[in-house]
């Protein structure tokens, strides 16, 4: 379901892992609070990413979600834990084809390829979190990666979650069928906010209650709530954009 080749996703994952690892290797960064994840320090952020990696490794090995997770482990520095977990994840991906079947939480795609894509964006967003926490300019996000990342969050998180787990939207659904045209560079999606969220590819400029336009990296960070609305150009009903933002909050926590 990705718009990118597997090799491109793995290349992105590896680059963002190394950026996050560099942050984790700086002892002065580890106690810094992460503004985009207020309950975490950088050490907590790194621990989370490493634990997620190992959870996917065990899921692929078992063909099922592991029980009694996370396991007990001996204390180790965050950078060492992240490196160990990433090495295990990379080895598991290398040993399997993207088409191989495995358990995922996204019913339409029960494949290793789903986890390759999901871990790519898990890593990208959290390395941005780490960079924002320590006050460095986040590394650029390539346009092709950003466009695919927007498509991933809209389809596998927002639209699917509204159908599979409507209770997570805490009464926000049903909605009145408002529409949002979200445009990242030359790629656009029409988002319909009804009793379920519907996502359809669209041509830039199609009519909608509100249109949000930005470069792909800015749109990706906006849908993950790592950038405020001022980073996008907005035309139309601002309250509909705010409603979409709230729906994204409920499904990307």
Protein backbone atom coordinates (compact mmCIF):
# COMPACT_ATOMS: atom_id res chain seq x y z
CA UNK A 1 0.00 0.00 0.00
CA UNK A 2 3.02 2.26 0.13
CA UNK A 3 3.83 4.62 -2.70
CA UNK A 4 7.56 4.02 -2.17
CA UNK A 5 9.84 1.05 -2.93
CA UNK A 6 10.91 -0.99 0.09
CA UNK A 7 14.54 -0.02 -0.43
CA UNK A 8 13.61 3.67 -0.20
CA UNK A 9 11.70 3.13 3.04
CA UNK A 10 14.60 1.21 4.58
CA UNK A 11 17.02 3.93 3.47
CA UNK A 12 14.88 6.54 5.22
CA UNK A 13 14.49 4.41 8.34
CA UNK A 14 18.25 3.90 8.59
CA UNK A 15 19.03 7.60 8.17
CA UNK A 16 16.54 8.67 10.83
CA UNK A 17 17.67 5.93 13.20
CA UNK A 18 21.23 7.25 12.99
CA UNK A 19 20.06 10.80 13.67
CA UNK A 20 18.12 9.66 16.73
CA UNK A 21 21.04 7.51 17.88
CA UNK A 22 23.36 10.52 17.70
CA UNK A 23 21.00 12.38 20.05
CA UNK A 24 20.84 9.39 22.39
CA UNK A 25 24.64 9.16 22.51
CA UNK A 26 24.86 12.68 24.01
CA UNK A 27 24.43 12.30 27.79
CA UNK A 28 23.46 15.95 28.10
CA UNK A 29 20.39 15.41 25.93
CA UNK A 30 18.85 12.50 27.81
CA UNK A 31 17.16 14.44 30.62
CA UNK A 32 15.73 17.14 28.32
CA UNK A 33 11.93 17.20 28.16
CA UNK A 34 10.32 16.52 24.79
CA UNK A 35 7.81 19.32 24.08
CA UNK A 36 5.87 17.28 21.52
CA UNK A 37 5.60 14.34 23.95
CA UNK A 38 5.33 16.25 27.25
CA UNK A 39 5.44 13.21 29.54
CA UNK A 40 8.79 12.06 28.12
CA UNK A 41 12.43 13.01 28.35
CA UNK A 42 14.73 12.26 25.42
CA UNK A 43 15.78 9.09 27.27
CA UNK A 44 12.11 8.03 27.45
CA UNK A 45 11.67 8.81 23.74
CA UNK A 46 14.64 6.67 22.78
CA UNK A 47 13.49 3.85 25.08
CA UNK A 48 10.07 3.96 23.42
CA UNK A 49 11.45 3.67 19.90
CA UNK A 50 13.78 0.81 20.86
CA UNK A 51 10.98 -1.07 22.60
CA UNK A 52 8.70 -0.61 19.58
CA UNK A 53 11.43 -2.02 17.32
CA UNK A 54 11.79 -5.12 19.48
CA UNK A 55 8.03 -5.57 19.68
CA UNK A 56 7.90 -5.75 15.87
CA UNK A 57 10.82 -8.18 15.83
CA UNK A 58 8.99 -10.51 18.20
CA UNK A 59 5.73 -10.09 16.29
CA UNK A 60 7.38 -11.20 13.05
CA UNK A 61 9.16 -14.10 14.75
CA UNK A 62 6.04 -15.33 16.50
CA UNK A 63 3.49 -14.49 13.82
CA UNK A 64 1.46 -12.94 16.64
CA UNK A 65 1.69 -10.06 19.06
CA UNK A 66 3.95 -10.99 22.00
CA UNK A 67 2.35 -11.40 25.40
CA UNK A 68 3.69 -9.99 28.69
CA UNK A 69 5.25 -7.04 26.92
CA UNK A 70 7.64 -5.36 27.45
CA UNK A 71 9.99 -7.99 28.88
CA UNK A 72 12.33 -7.36 31.78
CA UNK A 73 15.80 -6.35 30.68
CA UNK A 74 19.13 -5.47 32.22
CA UNK A 75 19.86 -1.74 32.50
CA UNK A 76 21.78 -0.30 29.56
CA UNK A 77 22.40 3.19 28.19
CA UNK A 78 19.65 4.45 25.88
CA UNK A 79 21.98 4.65 22.88
CA UNK A 80 23.07 1.04 23.38
CA UNK A 81 19.49 -0.15 23.72
CA UNK A 82 18.44 1.71 20.57
CA UNK A 83 21.38 0.28 18.62
CA UNK A 84 20.63 -3.27 19.79
CA UNK A 85 16.97 -2.96 18.92
CA UNK A 86 17.60 -1.42 15.51
CA UNK A 87 20.14 -4.12 14.67
CA UNK A 88 17.56 -6.81 15.51
CA UNK A 89 14.91 -5.03 13.43
CA UNK A 90 17.21 -4.61 10.43
CA UNK A 91 18.21 -8.28 10.59
CA UNK A 92 14.57 -9.36 10.73
CA UNK A 93 13.61 -7.19 7.76
CA UNK A 94 16.61 -8.48 5.78
CA UNK A 95 15.61 -12.10 6.44
CA UNK A 96 12.05 -11.67 5.14
CA UNK A 97 10.37 -10.47 1.98
CA UNK A 98 8.00 -7.50 2.27
CA UNK A 99 5.19 -9.73 1.00
CA UNK A 100 5.62 -12.31 3.76
CA UNK A 101 2.58 -12.58 5.98
CA UNK A 102 2.75 -11.49 9.61
CA UNK A 103 0.46 -10.05 12.26
CA UNK A 104 -0.27 -6.31 12.12
CA UNK A 105 -2.97 -4.11 13.64
CA UNK A 106 -4.06 -2.97 10.16
CA UNK A 107 -6.39 -5.66 8.84
CA UNK A 108 -6.06 -4.81 5.12
CA UNK A 109 -2.28 -5.37 5.19
CA UNK A 110 -0.93 -8.31 7.18
CA UNK A 111 2.60 -8.22 5.78
CA UNK A 112 6.19 -7.51 6.73
CA UNK A 113 6.02 -4.59 4.31
CA UNK A 114 3.46 -2.92 6.55
CA UNK A 115 5.94 -2.96 9.44
CA UNK A 116 8.76 -1.67 7.25
CA UNK A 117 6.65 1.32 6.33
CA UNK A 118 5.27 1.83 9.85
CA UNK A 119 8.73 1.72 11.45
CA UNK A 120 10.01 4.19 8.85
CA UNK A 121 7.54 6.83 10.00
CA UNK A 122 7.74 5.87 13.67
CA UNK A 123 11.45 6.61 13.45
CA UNK A 124 11.10 9.77 11.38
CA UNK A 125 8.55 11.43 13.63
CA UNK A 126 10.39 10.56 16.82
CA UNK A 127 13.76 11.75 15.55
CA UNK A 128 12.01 15.07 14.83
CA UNK A 129 10.71 14.98 18.41
CA UNK A 130 14.26 14.49 19.65
CA UNK A 131 15.65 17.27 17.50
CA UNK A 132 12.94 19.68 18.65
CA UNK A 133 13.64 18.74 22.26
CA UNK A 134 17.35 19.57 22.13
CA UNK A 135 16.80 22.72 20.07
CA UNK A 136 18.43 21.73 16.79
CA UNK A 137 16.89 22.35 13.38
CA UNK A 138 15.23 19.10 12.29
CA UNK A 139 16.95 17.46 9.35
CA UNK A 140 15.09 17.88 6.05
CA UNK A 141 12.45 15.32 5.15
CA UNK A 142 12.71 14.21 1.50
CA UNK A 143 9.64 15.09 -0.54
CA UNK A 144 8.83 11.53 -1.63
CA UNK A 145 9.10 10.24 1.92
CA UNK A 146 6.92 13.05 3.25
CA UNK A 147 4.16 12.47 0.68
CA UNK A 148 4.08 8.75 1.45
CA UNK A 149 4.10 9.53 5.16
CA UNK A 150 1.04 11.76 4.81
CA UNK A 151 -0.74 9.03 2.85
CA UNK A 152 0.17 6.50 5.55
CA UNK A 153 -1.23 8.47 8.46
CA UNK A 154 -4.40 9.44 6.61
CA UNK A 155 -5.23 5.94 5.43
CA UNK A 156 -3.87 3.56 8.07
CA UNK A 157 -4.38 5.76 11.12
CA UNK A 158 -7.20 8.20 10.49
CA UNK A 159 -9.56 6.48 8.04
CA UNK A 160 -8.99 2.92 9.26
CA UNK A 161 -9.12 3.85 12.93
CA UNK A 162 -12.42 5.66 12.50
CA UNK A 163 -13.89 2.41 11.15
CA UNK A 164 -12.12 -0.13 13.35
CA UNK A 165 -12.12 1.74 16.66
CA UNK A 166 -14.79 4.47 16.56
CA UNK A 167 -14.80 4.51 20.38
CA UNK A 168 -11.33 6.09 20.28
CA UNK A 169 -12.83 9.24 18.79
CA UNK A 170 -14.54 10.02 22.11
CA UNK A 171 -17.81 11.26 20.64
CA UNK A 172 -16.23 13.25 17.82
CA UNK A 173 -18.01 10.96 15.36
CA UNK A 174 -20.43 11.15 13.67
CA UNK A 175 -19.58 14.39 12.00
CA UNK A 176 -21.55 16.41 9.47
CA UNK A 177 -19.76 15.35 6.30
CA UNK A 178 -17.47 18.37 6.07
CA UNK A 179 -14.62 18.11 3.57
CA UNK A 180 -10.96 19.04 3.74
CA UNK A 181 -8.65 19.24 0.73
CA UNK A 182 -5.17 18.54 2.08
CA UNK A 183 -2.44 19.28 -0.46
CA UNK A 184 1.24 18.35 -0.06
CA UNK A 185 3.14 19.79 -2.98
CA UNK A 186 1.46 18.41 -6.10
CA UNK A 187 -0.35 15.59 -4.25
CA UNK A 188 -3.77 16.07 -2.65
CA UNK A 189 -6.35 14.11 -0.70
CA UNK A 190 -10.01 14.88 -0.13
CA UNK A 191 -10.92 14.04 3.47
CA UNK A 192 -14.59 13.63 4.35
CA UNK A 193 -15.49 13.87 8.03
CA UNK A 194 -18.68 11.84 8.40
CA UNK A 195 -19.67 8.88 10.59
CA UNK A 196 -16.41 7.39 9.28
CA UNK A 197 -13.50 9.36 7.87
CA UNK A 198 -13.07 8.78 4.13
CA UNK A 199 -9.83 9.53 2.26
CA UNK A 200 -9.75 9.77 -1.54
CA UNK A 201 -6.99 10.97 -3.88
CA UNK A 202 -7.89 14.32 -5.38
CA UNK A 203 -6.70 16.89 -7.85
CA UNK A 204 -5.35 20.11 -6.32
CA UNK A 205 -8.03 22.78 -6.29
CA UNK A 206 -11.15 20.60 -6.05
CA UNK A 207 -13.90 22.23 -3.96
CA UNK A 208 -13.88 21.57 -0.21
CA UNK A 209 -15.07 23.27 2.97
CA UNK A 210 -11.46 24.08 3.74
CA UNK A 211 -8.23 23.72 1.78
CA UNK A 212 -4.87 23.25 3.49
CA UNK A 213 -1.72 23.53 1.38
CA UNK A 214 1.95 23.19 2.21
CA UNK A 215 5.16 21.59 1.10
CA UNK A 216 5.17 17.83 1.81
CA UNK A 217 7.40 17.99 4.88
CA UNK A 218 5.26 20.71 6.46
CA UNK A 219 2.08 18.74 5.80
CA UNK A 220 3.58 15.56 7.27
CA UNK A 221 4.57 17.37 10.45
CA UNK A 222 1.15 19.03 10.62
CA UNK A 223 -0.81 15.77 10.39
CA UNK A 224 1.40 14.34 13.15
CA UNK A 225 0.83 17.52 15.17
CA UNK A 226 4.52 18.38 15.20
CA UNK A 227 3.83 21.75 13.54
CA UNK A 228 1.11 24.31 14.07
CA UNK A 229 -1.47 25.45 11.54
CA UNK A 230 0.58 28.51 10.63
CA UNK A 231 2.91 26.28 8.61
CA UNK A 232 0.13 25.62 6.05
CA UNK A 233 -1.89 27.95 3.85
CA UNK A 234 -5.57 27.74 4.80
CA UNK A 235 -8.58 28.79 2.76
CA UNK A 236 -12.16 28.22 3.85
CA UNK A 237 -13.78 27.19 7.10
CA UNK A 238 -11.19 27.18 9.83
CA UNK A 239 -13.44 25.26 12.20
CA UNK A 240 -13.38 22.29 9.81
CA UNK A 241 -9.58 22.32 9.77
CA UNK A 242 -9.67 22.39 13.57
CA UNK A 243 -12.02 19.40 13.58
CA UNK A 244 -9.61 17.43 11.37
CA UNK A 245 -6.78 18.39 13.70
CA UNK A 246 -8.76 17.02 16.65
CA UNK A 247 -9.49 13.77 14.81
CA UNK A 248 -5.76 13.43 14.14
CA UNK A 249 -5.02 14.02 17.81
CA UNK A 250 -7.32 11.18 18.76
CA UNK A 251 -5.73 8.70 16.38
CA UNK A 252 -2.03 9.63 16.57
CA UNK A 253 -1.45 9.85 20.31
